[in-house]
Amino acid sequence: MIKQMYPSELVNKEAFIAGLCIQKRVLHLGCCRYPYCQESFYSGELFHLKLLKIAQELHGMDIDRPSLDFLTQQGIPYLYWGDIEKIEINHWDKHYDIIVAGEILEHLNNFGLFLSSIRHLMNPETLLVISVPNTPTLKGFLRALVGQEMVHHDHVCYFSATTLTTLLDRFEYRVEKIMYYCATPFQRSGHLLNLSNRVAARLCRIFPRLGDGLIAVAKLR
C-alpha cells in the first residue's frame, strides 16, 4: 500500500523545536544526552540548557542518574529520574504545553508503553514533539554501498514518516506536521566522513526526505 507523503521541508532540528518552546511549559524527556552530558554541558551544546533560557517553565526527565546528579550540581532545577515507559501518574500532577522526546523512541523496548504513559501529562492543546532517525537517509544509503552502517550502539530501529505516523495513530495521536533534518557531525570526525556529511547536507536541501532524521509534531486525537 502506498500512503500519501507529508510535504517535505528541511529544518534545523534544535532551532525548530526551540521555536515551539518559547515561553511554554515544557517537559524535556531524555534531557541528559547520554553519554555526552558533561561534554555537551561544558561546550554549551546541551539542548536542555538552551531550552532553559527560553521556556517559561522547564522540567527534565532521564534514566541516566549520574548525569542528572551532575546537572543538579551545576544548578539546573526540576530534574527527575525515571523510566519514560513507566511515568507514574501520582508523580506528575500537571499538563505541559510541549513535551519534547528527542532521539528517544529508537532506544525504547516498548513504544506503546511510552506513548500511553505520557497521555496524562497532556491536554488537547499539548504538542508532543518527537525526533527519530530517518530510514531512507542518503548517508545510510551511501554507507551501505561500501558495506558500512553507522548506528548508535543502543538503537533498535529506524523510522520513516509513514511508520512513525502509523505508530502514533495506533495510540490515538494525530500528527500535525512532519519535518526533516540533517544531524550535526562531531567535530572529531575524519576527513572522509566530514566530506560525505557536507555532500549529503547539500543534496538533502534538494531532497529533504533523505535527511538523517525526522520530526513529528502530534496532538492527542
N, C-alpha and C. Protein backbone atom coordinates (compact mmCIF):
# COMPACT_ATOMS: atom_id res chain seq x y z
N MET A 1 0.83 -1.19 0.00
CA MET A 1 0.00 0.00 0.00
C MET A 1 0.88 1.25 0.00
N ILE A 2 0.58 2.18 -0.88
CA ILE A 2 1.32 3.43 -0.95
C ILE A 2 0.53 4.51 -0.21
N LYS A 3 1.15 5.14 0.76
CA LYS A 3 0.49 6.19 1.53
C LYS A 3 0.94 7.57 1.05
N GLN A 4 0.03 8.53 1.16
CA GLN A 4 0.35 9.90 0.80
C GLN A 4 1.43 10.44 1.72
N MET A 5 2.41 11.10 1.16
CA MET A 5 3.52 11.61 1.94
C MET A 5 3.25 13.04 2.38
N TYR A 6 3.81 13.40 3.54
CA TYR A 6 3.69 14.76 4.04
C TYR A 6 4.58 15.69 3.20
N PRO A 7 4.21 16.97 3.13
CA PRO A 7 5.12 17.92 2.48
C PRO A 7 6.50 17.86 3.11
N SER A 8 7.52 17.94 2.29
CA SER A 8 8.88 17.80 2.81
C SER A 8 9.52 19.16 3.01
N GLU A 9 10.12 19.34 4.18
CA GLU A 9 10.83 20.58 4.49
C GLU A 9 12.01 20.24 5.38
N LEU A 10 13.17 20.76 5.05
CA LEU A 10 14.38 20.54 5.83
C LEU A 10 14.53 21.69 6.81
N VAL A 11 14.71 21.36 8.09
CA VAL A 11 14.84 22.39 9.11
C VAL A 11 16.07 22.12 9.97
N ASN A 12 16.47 23.13 10.71
CA ASN A 12 17.44 22.94 11.77
C ASN A 12 16.69 22.37 12.96
N LYS A 13 17.02 21.17 13.38
CA LYS A 13 16.22 20.46 14.39
C LYS A 13 16.11 21.26 15.68
N GLU A 14 17.23 21.69 16.23
CA GLU A 14 17.18 22.38 17.52
C GLU A 14 16.46 23.72 17.41
N ALA A 15 16.69 24.45 16.34
CA ALA A 15 16.04 25.74 16.17
C ALA A 15 14.52 25.57 16.03
N PHE A 16 14.12 24.55 15.30
CA PHE A 16 12.69 24.32 15.10
C PHE A 16 12.01 23.96 16.42
N ILE A 17 12.60 23.02 17.17
CA ILE A 17 12.00 22.60 18.43
C ILE A 17 12.02 23.74 19.45
N ALA A 18 13.16 24.44 19.50
CA ALA A 18 13.26 25.57 20.44
C ALA A 18 12.21 26.62 20.14
N GLY A 19 11.93 26.85 18.86
CA GLY A 19 10.93 27.84 18.49
C GLY A 19 9.55 27.51 19.03
N LEU A 20 9.25 26.23 19.14
CA LEU A 20 7.96 25.80 19.69
C LEU A 20 7.88 26.01 21.20
N CYS A 21 9.05 26.05 21.85
CA CYS A 21 9.12 26.04 23.32
C CYS A 21 9.20 27.42 23.96
N ILE A 22 9.27 28.47 23.16
CA ILE A 22 9.44 29.81 23.72
C ILE A 22 8.26 30.17 24.62
N GLN A 23 8.58 30.49 25.88
CA GLN A 23 7.59 30.90 26.87
C GLN A 23 6.47 29.86 27.05
N LYS A 24 6.84 28.58 26.97
CA LYS A 24 5.90 27.48 27.18
C LYS A 24 6.32 26.66 28.40
N ARG A 25 5.36 25.90 28.93
CA ARG A 25 5.65 24.92 29.98
C ARG A 25 6.11 23.64 29.28
N VAL A 26 7.37 23.27 29.47
CA VAL A 26 7.99 22.22 28.65
C VAL A 26 8.47 21.08 29.54
N LEU A 27 8.20 19.86 29.09
CA LEU A 27 8.80 18.66 29.67
C LEU A 27 9.78 18.10 28.64
N HIS A 28 11.05 18.03 29.04
CA HIS A 28 12.10 17.55 28.13
C HIS A 28 12.51 16.15 28.57
N LEU A 29 12.10 15.16 27.82
CA LEU A 29 12.42 13.76 28.11
C LEU A 29 13.75 13.40 27.48
N GLY A 30 14.57 12.66 28.22
CA GLY A 30 15.91 12.36 27.73
C GLY A 30 16.79 13.59 27.73
N CYS A 31 16.71 14.38 28.80
CA CYS A 31 17.34 15.70 28.83
C CYS A 31 18.86 15.66 28.98
N CYS A 32 19.43 14.50 29.32
CA CYS A 32 20.86 14.45 29.65
C CYS A 32 21.79 14.19 28.46
N ARG A 33 21.23 13.73 27.35
CA ARG A 33 22.03 13.42 26.17
C ARG A 33 23.15 12.40 26.48
N TYR A 34 22.76 11.30 27.08
CA TYR A 34 23.72 10.22 27.37
C TYR A 34 24.36 9.73 26.07
N PRO A 35 25.67 9.46 26.06
CA PRO A 35 26.66 9.56 27.15
C PRO A 35 27.51 10.84 27.05
N TYR A 36 26.95 11.89 26.44
CA TYR A 36 27.73 13.10 26.16
C TYR A 36 27.32 14.28 27.05
N CYS A 37 26.74 14.00 28.21
CA CYS A 37 26.16 15.07 29.03
C CYS A 37 27.20 16.11 29.45
N GLN A 38 28.27 15.66 30.11
CA GLN A 38 29.24 16.62 30.63
C GLN A 38 29.95 17.34 29.49
N GLU A 39 30.32 16.60 28.46
CA GLU A 39 30.97 17.21 27.30
C GLU A 39 30.08 18.29 26.68
N SER A 40 28.78 17.99 26.54
CA SER A 40 27.84 18.94 25.95
C SER A 40 27.60 20.12 26.88
N PHE A 41 27.58 19.87 28.19
CA PHE A 41 27.36 20.95 29.14
C PHE A 41 28.49 21.97 29.08
N TYR A 42 29.72 21.49 29.12
CA TYR A 42 30.86 22.40 29.15
C TYR A 42 31.07 23.12 27.82
N SER A 43 30.63 22.51 26.73
CA SER A 43 30.76 23.17 25.43
C SER A 43 29.58 24.12 25.16
N GLY A 44 28.56 24.05 26.01
CA GLY A 44 27.38 24.88 25.81
C GLY A 44 26.40 24.33 24.80
N GLU A 45 26.61 23.08 24.37
CA GLU A 45 25.77 22.49 23.34
C GLU A 45 24.64 21.63 23.88
N LEU A 46 24.55 21.48 25.19
CA LEU A 46 23.48 20.66 25.76
C LEU A 46 22.14 21.34 25.49
N PHE A 47 21.25 20.65 24.80
CA PHE A 47 20.00 21.26 24.36
C PHE A 47 19.13 21.70 25.55
N HIS A 48 19.20 20.98 26.65
CA HIS A 48 18.42 21.34 27.82
C HIS A 48 18.79 22.74 28.32
N LEU A 49 20.06 23.09 28.23
CA LEU A 49 20.49 24.43 28.63
C LEU A 49 19.88 25.50 27.72
N LYS A 50 19.78 25.20 26.44
CA LYS A 50 19.20 26.15 25.51
C LYS A 50 17.71 26.34 25.78
N LEU A 51 17.02 25.23 26.08
CA LEU A 51 15.60 25.33 26.41
C LEU A 51 15.38 26.11 27.70
N LEU A 52 16.32 25.96 28.64
CA LEU A 52 16.20 26.63 29.93
C LEU A 52 16.16 28.15 29.77
N LYS A 53 16.80 28.66 28.73
CA LYS A 53 16.86 30.11 28.52
C LYS A 53 15.58 30.68 27.91
N ILE A 54 14.76 29.82 27.30
CA ILE A 54 13.61 30.36 26.54
C ILE A 54 12.26 29.88 27.04
N ALA A 55 12.23 28.75 27.76
CA ALA A 55 10.95 28.21 28.23
C ALA A 55 10.43 29.00 29.42
N GLN A 56 9.14 29.10 29.55
CA GLN A 56 8.55 29.70 30.74
C GLN A 56 8.82 28.83 31.96
N GLU A 57 8.70 27.53 31.78
CA GLU A 57 8.97 26.55 32.84
C GLU A 57 9.48 25.29 32.18
N LEU A 58 10.58 24.74 32.68
CA LEU A 58 11.20 23.58 32.06
C LEU A 58 11.47 22.50 33.08
N HIS A 59 10.94 21.32 32.82
CA HIS A 59 11.24 20.14 33.62
C HIS A 59 11.97 19.14 32.73
N GLY A 60 12.90 18.39 33.32
CA GLY A 60 13.64 17.39 32.57
C GLY A 60 13.56 16.03 33.23
N MET A 61 13.55 14.99 32.42
CA MET A 61 13.49 13.63 32.94
C MET A 61 14.44 12.74 32.14
N ASP A 62 15.16 11.87 32.86
CA ASP A 62 16.10 10.97 32.21
C ASP A 62 16.31 9.76 33.10
N ILE A 63 16.79 8.67 32.52
CA ILE A 63 17.09 7.47 33.29
C ILE A 63 18.56 7.40 33.67
N ASP A 64 19.34 8.37 33.20
CA ASP A 64 20.78 8.43 33.46
C ASP A 64 21.03 9.19 34.76
N ARG A 65 21.03 8.47 35.88
CA ARG A 65 21.12 9.12 37.18
C ARG A 65 22.43 9.88 37.38
N PRO A 66 23.60 9.34 37.00
CA PRO A 66 24.84 10.12 37.19
C PRO A 66 24.81 11.47 36.48
N SER A 67 24.26 11.51 35.27
CA SER A 67 24.19 12.77 34.54
C SER A 67 23.19 13.72 35.19
N LEU A 68 22.09 13.20 35.69
CA LEU A 68 21.13 14.04 36.40
C LEU A 68 21.77 14.65 37.65
N ASP A 69 22.53 13.83 38.36
CA ASP A 69 23.23 14.34 39.55
C ASP A 69 24.22 15.44 39.16
N PHE A 70 24.93 15.23 38.06
CA PHE A 70 25.88 16.23 37.60
C PHE A 70 25.17 17.55 37.27
N LEU A 71 24.07 17.48 36.53
CA LEU A 71 23.36 18.70 36.16
C LEU A 71 22.76 19.39 37.38
N THR A 72 22.27 18.61 38.32
CA THR A 72 21.74 19.18 39.56
C THR A 72 22.84 19.94 40.30
N GLN A 73 24.04 19.36 40.32
CA GLN A 73 25.17 20.02 40.97
C GLN A 73 25.55 21.33 40.27
N GLN A 74 25.22 21.44 39.00
CA GLN A 74 25.51 22.66 38.25
C GLN A 74 24.40 23.70 38.41
N GLY A 75 23.39 23.37 39.21
CA GLY A 75 22.32 24.33 39.49
C GLY A 75 21.12 24.25 38.57
N ILE A 76 21.01 23.19 37.78
CA ILE A 76 19.87 23.04 36.88
C ILE A 76 18.67 22.53 37.68
N PRO A 77 17.54 23.25 37.69
CA PRO A 77 16.40 22.85 38.53
C PRO A 77 15.45 21.86 37.83
N TYR A 78 14.56 21.30 38.62
CA TYR A 78 13.44 20.48 38.14
C TYR A 78 13.88 19.32 37.25
N LEU A 79 14.81 18.53 37.78
CA LEU A 79 15.27 17.34 37.08
C LEU A 79 14.78 16.11 37.83
N TYR A 80 14.33 15.11 37.06
CA TYR A 80 13.73 13.92 37.67
C TYR A 80 14.29 12.67 37.03
N TRP A 81 14.51 11.67 37.87
CA TRP A 81 14.92 10.36 37.37
C TRP A 81 13.70 9.51 37.12
N GLY A 82 13.70 8.74 36.05
CA GLY A 82 12.59 7.83 35.81
C GLY A 82 12.68 7.14 34.47
N ASP A 83 11.94 6.07 34.34
CA ASP A 83 11.80 5.31 33.11
C ASP A 83 10.60 5.89 32.36
N ILE A 84 10.82 6.45 31.19
CA ILE A 84 9.72 7.12 30.49
C ILE A 84 8.68 6.15 29.96
N GLU A 85 8.96 4.85 29.99
CA GLU A 85 7.94 3.88 29.65
C GLU A 85 6.98 3.65 30.82
N LYS A 86 7.32 4.19 31.99
CA LYS A 86 6.51 3.93 33.18
C LYS A 86 6.39 5.18 34.04
N ILE A 87 5.98 6.28 33.45
CA ILE A 87 5.82 7.52 34.20
C ILE A 87 4.59 7.39 35.08
N GLU A 88 4.78 7.49 36.38
CA GLU A 88 3.68 7.31 37.33
C GLU A 88 2.82 8.56 37.39
N ILE A 89 1.51 8.35 37.36
CA ILE A 89 0.56 9.47 37.36
C ILE A 89 0.70 10.30 38.64
N ASN A 90 0.87 9.63 39.79
CA ASN A 90 0.88 10.38 41.04
C ASN A 90 2.15 11.20 41.24
N HIS A 91 3.14 11.03 40.36
CA HIS A 91 4.36 11.83 40.44
C HIS A 91 4.25 13.11 39.61
N TRP A 92 3.26 13.18 38.75
CA TRP A 92 3.15 14.29 37.81
C TRP A 92 1.71 14.78 37.81
N ASP A 93 1.47 15.96 38.33
CA ASP A 93 0.11 16.43 38.50
C ASP A 93 -0.19 17.66 37.64
N LYS A 94 0.50 17.77 36.51
CA LYS A 94 0.26 18.93 35.66
C LYS A 94 0.26 18.53 34.20
N HIS A 95 -0.30 19.41 33.38
CA HIS A 95 -0.23 19.26 31.95
C HIS A 95 0.82 20.23 31.41
N TYR A 96 1.49 19.83 30.35
CA TYR A 96 2.52 20.67 29.74
C TYR A 96 2.02 21.21 28.40
N ASP A 97 2.60 22.33 27.99
CA ASP A 97 2.31 22.86 26.66
C ASP A 97 3.04 22.08 25.59
N ILE A 98 4.27 21.70 25.90
CA ILE A 98 5.13 20.97 24.96
C ILE A 98 5.80 19.82 25.69
N ILE A 99 5.79 18.64 25.07
CA ILE A 99 6.60 17.51 25.55
C ILE A 99 7.59 17.17 24.45
N VAL A 100 8.86 17.30 24.76
CA VAL A 100 9.92 17.05 23.78
C VAL A 100 10.52 15.68 24.04
N ALA A 101 10.47 14.83 23.03
CA ALA A 101 11.07 13.49 23.11
C ALA A 101 12.02 13.34 21.94
N GLY A 102 13.22 13.91 22.09
CA GLY A 102 14.19 13.91 21.01
C GLY A 102 15.11 12.71 21.05
N GLU A 103 15.16 11.97 19.97
CA GLU A 103 16.06 10.82 19.83
C GLU A 103 15.85 9.83 20.98
N ILE A 104 14.61 9.47 21.25
CA ILE A 104 14.29 8.55 22.34
C ILE A 104 13.67 7.25 21.84
N LEU A 105 12.70 7.34 20.93
CA LEU A 105 11.95 6.14 20.54
C LEU A 105 12.86 5.01 20.08
N GLU A 106 13.94 5.36 19.38
CA GLU A 106 14.81 4.32 18.82
C GLU A 106 15.60 3.57 19.89
N HIS A 107 15.53 4.03 21.15
CA HIS A 107 16.21 3.36 22.26
C HIS A 107 15.26 2.46 23.08
N LEU A 108 13.96 2.60 22.88
CA LEU A 108 13.00 2.00 23.81
C LEU A 108 12.75 0.52 23.55
N ASN A 109 12.35 -0.16 24.61
CA ASN A 109 11.91 -1.55 24.49
C ASN A 109 10.47 -1.63 24.04
N ASN A 110 9.65 -0.64 24.44
CA ASN A 110 8.22 -0.71 24.16
C ASN A 110 7.68 0.69 23.86
N PHE A 111 7.44 0.96 22.57
CA PHE A 111 6.93 2.27 22.16
C PHE A 111 5.57 2.56 22.78
N GLY A 112 4.72 1.54 22.79
CA GLY A 112 3.35 1.72 23.26
C GLY A 112 3.28 2.13 24.71
N LEU A 113 4.12 1.54 25.56
CA LEU A 113 4.13 1.92 26.97
C LEU A 113 4.48 3.40 27.12
N PHE A 114 5.46 3.84 26.35
CA PHE A 114 5.85 5.26 26.41
C PHE A 114 4.70 6.17 25.97
N LEU A 115 4.11 5.88 24.81
CA LEU A 115 3.06 6.74 24.28
C LEU A 115 1.82 6.73 25.17
N SER A 116 1.59 5.63 25.86
CA SER A 116 0.47 5.57 26.79
C SER A 116 0.78 6.28 28.10
N SER A 117 2.04 6.21 28.54
CA SER A 117 2.39 6.72 29.87
C SER A 117 2.44 8.24 29.93
N ILE A 118 2.52 8.91 28.77
CA ILE A 118 2.61 10.38 28.79
C ILE A 118 1.26 11.05 28.53
N ARG A 119 0.24 10.29 28.22
CA ARG A 119 -1.05 10.90 27.87
C ARG A 119 -1.61 11.75 29.01
N HIS A 120 -1.39 11.31 30.26
CA HIS A 120 -1.95 12.04 31.38
C HIS A 120 -1.22 13.37 31.64
N LEU A 121 -0.10 13.59 30.93
CA LEU A 121 0.62 14.85 31.05
C LEU A 121 0.18 15.86 30.01
N MET A 122 -0.78 15.46 29.17
CA MET A 122 -1.17 16.26 28.02
C MET A 122 -2.64 16.69 28.14
N ASN A 123 -2.92 17.85 27.54
CA ASN A 123 -4.31 18.24 27.31
C ASN A 123 -4.51 18.33 25.80
N PRO A 124 -5.71 18.67 25.32
CA PRO A 124 -5.93 18.66 23.87
C PRO A 124 -5.02 19.60 23.07
N GLU A 125 -4.44 20.61 23.72
CA GLU A 125 -3.58 21.56 23.01
C GLU A 125 -2.09 21.26 23.16
N THR A 126 -1.73 20.28 23.98
CA THR A 126 -0.32 19.94 24.17
C THR A 126 0.29 19.39 22.89
N LEU A 127 1.48 19.84 22.58
CA LEU A 127 2.22 19.32 21.43
C LEU A 127 3.24 18.28 21.91
N LEU A 128 3.19 17.11 21.32
CA LEU A 128 4.22 16.10 21.52
C LEU A 128 5.18 16.19 20.34
N VAL A 129 6.45 16.49 20.62
CA VAL A 129 7.45 16.70 19.57
C VAL A 129 8.46 15.55 19.64
N ILE A 130 8.47 14.74 18.62
CA ILE A 130 9.32 13.55 18.58
C ILE A 130 10.30 13.66 17.42
N SER A 131 11.58 13.40 17.69
CA SER A 131 12.56 13.29 16.61
C SER A 131 13.20 11.92 16.65
N VAL A 132 13.42 11.34 15.48
CA VAL A 132 13.93 9.97 15.35
C VAL A 132 14.82 9.88 14.12
N PRO A 133 15.68 8.84 14.06
CA PRO A 133 16.45 8.60 12.84
C PRO A 133 15.52 8.25 11.68
N ASN A 134 15.89 8.71 10.50
CA ASN A 134 15.10 8.51 9.29
C ASN A 134 15.61 7.28 8.53
N THR A 135 14.68 6.41 8.11
CA THR A 135 15.10 5.20 7.38
C THR A 135 15.72 5.51 6.01
N PRO A 136 15.03 6.25 5.13
CA PRO A 136 15.61 6.48 3.80
C PRO A 136 16.62 7.61 3.78
N THR A 137 17.60 7.57 4.68
CA THR A 137 18.60 8.62 4.72
C THR A 137 19.65 8.42 3.63
N LEU A 138 20.08 9.51 3.05
CA LEU A 138 21.08 9.44 2.00
C LEU A 138 22.40 8.91 2.53
N LYS A 139 22.80 9.35 3.71
CA LYS A 139 24.06 8.88 4.29
C LYS A 139 24.03 7.38 4.51
N GLY A 140 22.88 6.87 4.98
CA GLY A 140 22.77 5.43 5.20
C GLY A 140 22.92 4.65 3.91
N PHE A 141 22.33 5.17 2.84
CA PHE A 141 22.44 4.50 1.54
C PHE A 141 23.88 4.49 1.04
N LEU A 142 24.56 5.63 1.16
CA LEU A 142 25.95 5.70 0.68
C LEU A 142 26.85 4.76 1.47
N ARG A 143 26.63 4.69 2.78
CA ARG A 143 27.46 3.81 3.60
C ARG A 143 27.16 2.35 3.32
N ALA A 144 25.90 2.04 3.01
CA ALA A 144 25.55 0.65 2.69
C ALA A 144 26.25 0.19 1.42
N LEU A 145 26.51 1.10 0.49
CA LEU A 145 27.18 0.74 -0.76
C LEU A 145 28.59 0.23 -0.52
N VAL A 146 29.21 0.69 0.58
CA VAL A 146 30.57 0.24 0.90
C VAL A 146 30.57 -0.70 2.10
N GLY A 147 29.39 -1.25 2.41
CA GLY A 147 29.31 -2.28 3.45
C GLY A 147 29.43 -1.77 4.87
N GLN A 148 29.03 -0.51 5.12
CA GLN A 148 29.13 0.06 6.45
C GLN A 148 27.76 0.50 6.95
N GLU A 149 27.62 0.48 8.25
CA GLU A 149 26.42 1.02 8.89
C GLU A 149 26.85 1.74 10.16
N MET A 150 26.63 3.06 10.19
CA MET A 150 26.96 3.82 11.38
C MET A 150 25.69 3.98 12.21
N VAL A 151 25.68 3.37 13.39
CA VAL A 151 24.49 3.40 14.21
C VAL A 151 24.90 3.42 15.68
N HIS A 152 24.18 4.17 16.48
CA HIS A 152 24.41 4.22 17.93
C HIS A 152 24.26 2.81 18.50
N HIS A 153 25.11 2.46 19.46
CA HIS A 153 25.12 1.09 19.97
C HIS A 153 23.83 0.71 20.68
N ASP A 154 22.99 1.71 21.06
CA ASP A 154 21.77 1.43 21.81
C ASP A 154 20.50 1.55 20.95
N HIS A 155 20.64 1.84 19.67
CA HIS A 155 19.47 1.97 18.81
C HIS A 155 18.93 0.60 18.43
N VAL A 156 17.60 0.49 18.36
CA VAL A 156 16.98 -0.78 17.98
C VAL A 156 16.16 -0.67 16.70
N CYS A 157 15.99 0.54 16.16
CA CYS A 157 15.16 0.67 14.96
C CYS A 157 15.38 2.03 14.30
N TYR A 158 14.85 2.13 13.09
CA TYR A 158 14.75 3.40 12.38
C TYR A 158 13.27 3.64 12.09
N PHE A 159 12.95 4.86 11.65
CA PHE A 159 11.58 5.18 11.30
C PHE A 159 11.54 5.90 9.96
N SER A 160 10.37 5.87 9.35
CA SER A 160 10.07 6.74 8.22
C SER A 160 8.87 7.58 8.61
N ALA A 161 8.52 8.56 7.79
CA ALA A 161 7.35 9.38 8.09
C ALA A 161 6.10 8.51 8.19
N THR A 162 6.00 7.50 7.33
CA THR A 162 4.82 6.64 7.33
C THR A 162 4.76 5.76 8.57
N THR A 163 5.88 5.11 8.93
CA THR A 163 5.83 4.20 10.08
C THR A 163 5.64 4.96 11.39
N LEU A 164 6.24 6.14 11.50
CA LEU A 164 6.06 6.93 12.72
C LEU A 164 4.62 7.43 12.83
N THR A 165 4.06 7.88 11.72
CA THR A 165 2.66 8.31 11.72
C THR A 165 1.73 7.16 12.08
N THR A 166 2.00 5.98 11.53
CA THR A 166 1.18 4.80 11.83
C THR A 166 1.26 4.45 13.30
N LEU A 167 2.46 4.49 13.88
CA LEU A 167 2.63 4.19 15.31
C LEU A 167 1.84 5.18 16.16
N LEU A 168 1.96 6.47 15.87
CA LEU A 168 1.26 7.47 16.64
C LEU A 168 -0.25 7.34 16.48
N ASP A 169 -0.70 7.06 15.30
CA ASP A 169 -2.13 6.87 15.06
C ASP A 169 -2.66 5.67 15.84
N ARG A 170 -1.86 4.63 15.93
CA ARG A 170 -2.28 3.41 16.64
C ARG A 170 -2.54 3.70 18.11
N PHE A 171 -1.83 4.68 18.67
CA PHE A 171 -2.01 5.02 20.08
C PHE A 171 -2.76 6.35 20.25
N GLU A 172 -3.56 6.68 19.22
CA GLU A 172 -4.52 7.77 19.27
C GLU A 172 -3.86 9.15 19.41
N TYR A 173 -2.83 9.35 18.59
CA TYR A 173 -2.24 10.66 18.40
C TYR A 173 -2.47 11.09 16.96
N ARG A 174 -2.65 12.38 16.75
CA ARG A 174 -2.83 12.92 15.41
C ARG A 174 -1.61 13.73 15.02
N VAL A 175 -0.95 13.35 13.97
CA VAL A 175 0.25 14.05 13.51
C VAL A 175 -0.14 15.34 12.81
N GLU A 176 0.39 16.45 13.29
CA GLU A 176 0.11 17.76 12.72
C GLU A 176 1.11 18.14 11.65
N LYS A 177 2.34 17.67 11.81
CA LYS A 177 3.41 18.13 10.91
C LYS A 177 4.57 17.14 10.94
N ILE A 178 5.22 16.97 9.81
CA ILE A 178 6.44 16.18 9.69
C ILE A 178 7.52 17.06 9.06
N MET A 179 8.69 17.11 9.70
CA MET A 179 9.82 17.87 9.18
C MET A 179 11.03 16.93 9.11
N TYR A 180 12.04 17.33 8.34
CA TYR A 180 13.26 16.55 8.21
C TYR A 180 14.46 17.41 8.62
N TYR A 181 15.53 16.74 9.03
CA TYR A 181 16.73 17.48 9.44
C TYR A 181 17.98 16.66 9.13
N CYS A 182 19.10 17.36 9.07
CA CYS A 182 20.42 16.72 8.96
C CYS A 182 21.12 16.84 10.30
N ALA A 183 21.72 15.76 10.75
CA ALA A 183 22.41 15.77 12.03
C ALA A 183 23.70 16.57 11.92
N THR A 184 24.09 17.19 13.03
CA THR A 184 25.36 17.91 13.09
C THR A 184 26.48 16.92 13.35
N PRO A 185 27.46 16.80 12.45
CA PRO A 185 28.54 15.83 12.66
C PRO A 185 29.45 16.25 13.80
N PHE A 186 30.03 15.25 14.46
CA PHE A 186 31.01 15.54 15.51
C PHE A 186 32.25 16.19 14.90
N GLN A 187 32.81 17.14 15.64
CA GLN A 187 33.99 17.83 15.14
C GLN A 187 35.18 16.89 14.98
N ARG A 188 35.20 15.81 15.76
CA ARG A 188 36.34 14.90 15.68
C ARG A 188 36.20 13.86 14.57
N SER A 189 35.18 13.99 13.72
CA SER A 189 35.01 13.07 12.62
C SER A 189 36.18 13.18 11.65
N GLY A 190 36.49 12.08 10.94
CA GLY A 190 37.59 12.07 9.99
C GLY A 190 37.28 12.89 8.75
N HIS A 191 38.31 13.15 7.95
CA HIS A 191 38.15 13.99 6.76
C HIS A 191 37.16 13.39 5.77
N LEU A 192 37.23 12.08 5.53
CA LEU A 192 36.33 11.43 4.57
C LEU A 192 34.89 11.51 5.04
N LEU A 193 34.69 11.28 6.34
CA LEU A 193 33.34 11.34 6.89
C LEU A 193 32.80 12.77 6.85
N ASN A 194 33.66 13.74 7.15
CA ASN A 194 33.24 15.14 7.07
C ASN A 194 32.84 15.52 5.65
N LEU A 195 33.60 15.02 4.67
CA LEU A 195 33.30 15.31 3.27
C LEU A 195 31.95 14.71 2.89
N SER A 196 31.73 13.46 3.27
CA SER A 196 30.45 12.81 2.94
C SER A 196 29.29 13.53 3.62
N ASN A 197 29.50 14.03 4.84
CA ASN A 197 28.46 14.77 5.55
C ASN A 197 28.11 16.07 4.81
N ARG A 198 29.13 16.76 4.30
CA ARG A 198 28.88 18.01 3.59
C ARG A 198 28.14 17.77 2.29
N VAL A 199 28.55 16.71 1.57
CA VAL A 199 27.89 16.38 0.30
C VAL A 199 26.43 16.00 0.56
N ALA A 200 26.21 15.17 1.58
CA ALA A 200 24.85 14.74 1.90
C ALA A 200 23.99 15.93 2.32
N ALA A 201 24.57 16.85 3.10
CA ALA A 201 23.80 18.01 3.56
C ALA A 201 23.34 18.86 2.38
N ARG A 202 24.19 19.01 1.37
CA ARG A 202 23.82 19.81 0.19
C ARG A 202 22.70 19.12 -0.59
N LEU A 203 22.80 17.81 -0.78
CA LEU A 203 21.78 17.09 -1.53
C LEU A 203 20.45 17.05 -0.79
N CYS A 204 20.53 17.03 0.54
CA CYS A 204 19.30 16.97 1.33
C CYS A 204 18.52 18.27 1.27
N ARG A 205 19.18 19.36 0.92
CA ARG A 205 18.45 20.61 0.71
C ARG A 205 17.52 20.49 -0.49
N ILE A 206 17.91 19.65 -1.45
CA ILE A 206 17.09 19.42 -2.63
C ILE A 206 16.09 18.31 -2.38
N PHE A 207 16.51 17.29 -1.64
CA PHE A 207 15.65 16.14 -1.35
C PHE A 207 15.55 15.96 0.18
N PRO A 208 14.73 16.76 0.84
CA PRO A 208 14.69 16.74 2.31
C PRO A 208 14.36 15.37 2.90
N ARG A 209 13.58 14.56 2.20
CA ARG A 209 13.19 13.25 2.75
C ARG A 209 14.37 12.30 2.90
N LEU A 210 15.53 12.68 2.38
CA LEU A 210 16.74 11.87 2.54
C LEU A 210 17.57 12.35 3.73
N GLY A 211 17.01 13.20 4.55
CA GLY A 211 17.73 13.70 5.72
C GLY A 211 18.01 12.63 6.75
N ASP A 212 18.88 12.96 7.71
CA ASP A 212 19.28 11.98 8.73
C ASP A 212 18.14 11.61 9.66
N GLY A 213 17.23 12.57 9.92
CA GLY A 213 16.17 12.31 10.87
C GLY A 213 14.90 13.03 10.50
N LEU A 214 13.85 12.73 11.23
CA LEU A 214 12.59 13.40 11.01
C LEU A 214 11.97 13.81 12.34
N ILE A 215 11.16 14.84 12.29
CA ILE A 215 10.48 15.38 13.46
C ILE A 215 8.98 15.27 13.23
N ALA A 216 8.27 14.70 14.18
CA ALA A 216 6.82 14.67 14.14
C ALA A 216 6.26 15.53 15.25
N VAL A 217 5.31 16.38 14.92
CA VAL A 217 4.58 17.18 15.90
C VAL A 217 3.16 16.63 15.95
N ALA A 218 2.75 16.19 17.15
CA ALA A 218 1.46 15.49 17.25
C ALA A 218 0.67 15.99 18.46
N LYS A 219 -0.64 15.78 18.40
CA LYS A 219 -1.56 16.06 19.50
C LYS A 219 -2.38 14.81 19.81
N LEU A 220 -3.02 14.82 20.97
CA LEU A 220 -3.95 13.75 21.28
C LEU A 220 -5.10 13.78 20.29
N ARG A 221 -5.56 12.61 19.91
CA ARG A 221 -6.68 12.54 18.96
C ARG A 221 -8.00 12.41 19.71
